């Protein structure tokens, strides 16, 4: 299992490094667990990266789970209508 703690600020600047980290985890073939408990701010770019990574993980049959989403992260997931990420939580 591969684990990643999400950064407190998931803004546009954080999107590219987050994308690369998730691609590396998916390439490992392990189950992916993300800890969202420290996220204080989440923007659309990083939400799109998370949703894309979830879809990519599913395509290679790797488990993808978002655990402990902070209130801010859960709120942005709901606002963006990314129910698939919410169900992973």
C-alpha atoms as a PDB file:
ATOM      1  CA  UNK A   1       0.000   0.000   0.000  1.00  0.00           C
ATOM      2  CA  UNK A   2       1.225   3.471  -0.889  1.00  0.00           C
ATOM      3  CA  UNK A   3       0.220   6.387   1.318  1.00  0.00           C
ATOM      4  CA  UNK A   4       0.363  10.118   0.689  1.00  0.00           C
ATOM      5  CA  UNK A   5      -0.547  12.939   3.050  1.00  0.00           C
ATOM      6  CA  UNK A   6      -2.089  15.773   1.086  1.00  0.00           C
ATOM      7  CA  UNK A   7      -0.593  19.239   1.548  1.00  0.00           C
ATOM      8  CA  UNK A   8      -2.457  21.834   3.628  1.00  0.00           C
ATOM      9  CA  UNK A   9      -2.828  24.080   0.569  1.00  0.00           C
ATOM     10  CA  UNK A  10      -3.988  22.383  -2.637  1.00  0.00           C
ATOM     11  CA  UNK A  11      -3.959  25.351  -4.976  1.00  0.00           C
ATOM     12  CA  UNK A  12      -2.960  25.715  -8.618  1.00  0.00           C
ATOM     13  CA  UNK A  13       0.748  25.736  -7.696  1.00  0.00           C
ATOM     14  CA  UNK A  14       0.348  22.413  -5.885  1.00  0.00           C
ATOM     15  CA  UNK A  15      -1.416  20.710  -8.822  1.00  0.00           C
ATOM     16  CA  UNK A  16       1.656  19.712 -10.862  1.00  0.00           C
ATOM     17  CA  UNK A  17       3.628  18.211  -7.942  1.00  0.00           C
ATOM     18  CA  UNK A  18       0.476  16.432  -6.720  1.00  0.00           C
ATOM     19  CA  UNK A  19      -0.131  15.041 -10.191  1.00  0.00           C
ATOM     20  CA  UNK A  20       3.423  13.690 -10.405  1.00  0.00           C
ATOM     21  CA  UNK A  21       3.266  12.145  -6.934  1.00  0.00           C
ATOM     22  CA  UNK A  22      -0.002  10.414  -7.794  1.00  0.00           C
ATOM     23  CA  UNK A  23       1.316   9.176 -11.149  1.00  0.00           C
ATOM     24  CA  UNK A  24       4.321   7.680  -9.333  1.00  0.00           C
ATOM     25  CA  UNK A  25       2.027   5.962  -6.818  1.00  0.00           C
ATOM     26  CA  UNK A  26      -0.217   4.589  -9.571  1.00  0.00           C
ATOM     27  CA  UNK A  27       2.812   3.322 -11.471  1.00  0.00           C
ATOM     28  CA  UNK A  28       3.852   1.331  -8.409  1.00  0.00           C
ATOM     29  CA  UNK A  29       0.678  -0.739  -8.780  1.00  0.00           C
ATOM     30  CA  UNK A  30       0.004  -0.637  -5.045  1.00  0.00           C
ATOM     31  CA  UNK A  31      -3.237   0.388  -3.393  1.00  0.00           C
ATOM     32  CA  UNK A  32      -3.247   4.163  -2.865  1.00  0.00           C
ATOM     33  CA  UNK A  33      -4.346   5.800   0.365  1.00  0.00           C
ATOM     34  CA  UNK A  34      -4.521   9.575   0.624  1.00  0.00           C
ATOM     35  CA  UNK A  35      -4.774  11.387   3.958  1.00  0.00           C
ATOM     36  CA  UNK A  36      -6.778  14.575   3.552  1.00  0.00           C
ATOM     37  CA  UNK A  37      -6.903  15.555   7.211  1.00  0.00           C
ATOM     38  CA  UNK A  38      -4.430  18.455   6.913  1.00  0.00           C
ATOM     39  CA  UNK A  39      -6.031  20.158   3.900  1.00  0.00           C
ATOM     40  CA  UNK A  40      -7.082  23.714   4.765  1.00  0.00           C
ATOM     41  CA  UNK A  41      -7.615  24.927   1.200  1.00  0.00           C
ATOM     42  CA  UNK A  42      -8.467  22.971  -1.953  1.00  0.00           C
ATOM     43  CA  UNK A  43      -8.821  24.460  -5.409  1.00  0.00           C
ATOM     44  CA  UNK A  44     -10.349  23.164  -8.594  1.00  0.00           C
ATOM     45  CA  UNK A  45      -7.032  22.248 -10.226  1.00  0.00           C
ATOM     46  CA  UNK A  46      -6.067  19.830  -7.447  1.00  0.00           C
ATOM     47  CA  UNK A  47      -9.582  18.410  -7.275  1.00  0.00           C
ATOM     48  CA  UNK A  48      -9.318  17.643 -10.984  1.00  0.00           C
ATOM     49  CA  UNK A  49      -5.936  15.980 -10.384  1.00  0.00           C
ATOM     50  CA  UNK A  50      -7.437  13.840  -7.610  1.00  0.00           C
ATOM     51  CA  UNK A  51     -10.428  12.831  -9.742  1.00  0.00           C
ATOM     52  CA  UNK A  52      -8.169  12.015 -12.690  1.00  0.00           C
ATOM     53  CA  UNK A  53      -5.847   9.954 -10.504  1.00  0.00           C
ATOM     54  CA  UNK A  54      -8.815   8.067  -9.095  1.00  0.00           C
ATOM     55  CA  UNK A  55      -9.977   7.222 -12.627  1.00  0.00           C
ATOM     56  CA  UNK A  56      -6.476   6.214 -13.696  1.00  0.00           C
ATOM     57  CA  UNK A  57      -6.071   3.995 -10.631  1.00  0.00           C
ATOM     58  CA  UNK A  58      -9.380   2.318 -11.444  1.00  0.00           C
ATOM     59  CA  UNK A  59      -8.233   1.703 -15.019  1.00  0.00           C
ATOM     60  CA  UNK A  60      -5.221  -0.249 -13.747  1.00  0.00           C
ATOM     61  CA  UNK A  61      -7.308  -1.913 -11.018  1.00  0.00           C
ATOM     62  CA  UNK A  62      -5.470  -0.227  -8.157  1.00  0.00           C
ATOM     63  CA  UNK A  63      -7.451   0.672  -5.053  1.00  0.00           C
ATOM     64  CA  UNK A  64      -7.720   4.419  -4.424  1.00  0.00           C
ATOM     65  CA  UNK A  65      -8.957   5.745  -1.105  1.00  0.00           C
ATOM     66  CA  UNK A  66      -9.217   9.241   0.322  1.00  0.00           C
ATOM     67  CA  UNK A  67      -9.217   9.021   4.105  1.00  0.00           C
ATOM     68  CA  UNK A  68     -10.023  11.620   6.732  1.00  0.00           C
ATOM     69  CA  UNK A  69     -10.896  14.520   4.409  1.00  0.00           C
ATOM     70  CA  UNK A  70     -10.803  17.780   6.318  1.00  0.00           C
ATOM     71  CA  UNK A  71     -13.967  19.862   6.437  1.00  0.00           C
ATOM     72  CA  UNK A  72     -12.481  22.212   3.830  1.00  0.00           C
ATOM     73  CA  UNK A  73     -11.623  19.350   1.469  1.00  0.00           C
ATOM     74  CA  UNK A  74     -14.972  17.609   1.926  1.00  0.00           C
ATOM     75  CA  UNK A  75     -16.767  20.899   1.279  1.00  0.00           C
ATOM     76  CA  UNK A  76     -14.851  21.541  -1.958  1.00  0.00           C
ATOM     77  CA  UNK A  77     -15.418  17.963  -3.139  1.00  0.00           C
ATOM     78  CA  UNK A  78     -19.153  18.419  -2.604  1.00  0.00           C
ATOM     79  CA  UNK A  79     -19.165  21.880  -4.224  1.00  0.00           C
ATOM     80  CA  UNK A  80     -17.355  20.524  -7.294  1.00  0.00           C
ATOM     81  CA  UNK A  81     -19.777  17.624  -7.555  1.00  0.00           C
ATOM     82  CA  UNK A  82     -17.011  15.027  -7.369  1.00  0.00           C
ATOM     83  CA  UNK A  83     -19.118  12.419  -5.651  1.00  0.00           C
ATOM     84  CA  UNK A  84     -16.705   9.637  -6.609  1.00  0.00           C
ATOM     85  CA  UNK A  85     -14.014  11.215  -4.438  1.00  0.00           C
ATOM     86  CA  UNK A  86     -16.483  11.655  -1.597  1.00  0.00           C
ATOM     87  CA  UNK A  87     -17.432   7.985  -1.727  1.00  0.00           C
ATOM     88  CA  UNK A  88     -13.750   7.113  -1.572  1.00  0.00           C
ATOM     89  CA  UNK A  89     -13.561   9.035   1.691  1.00  0.00           C
END
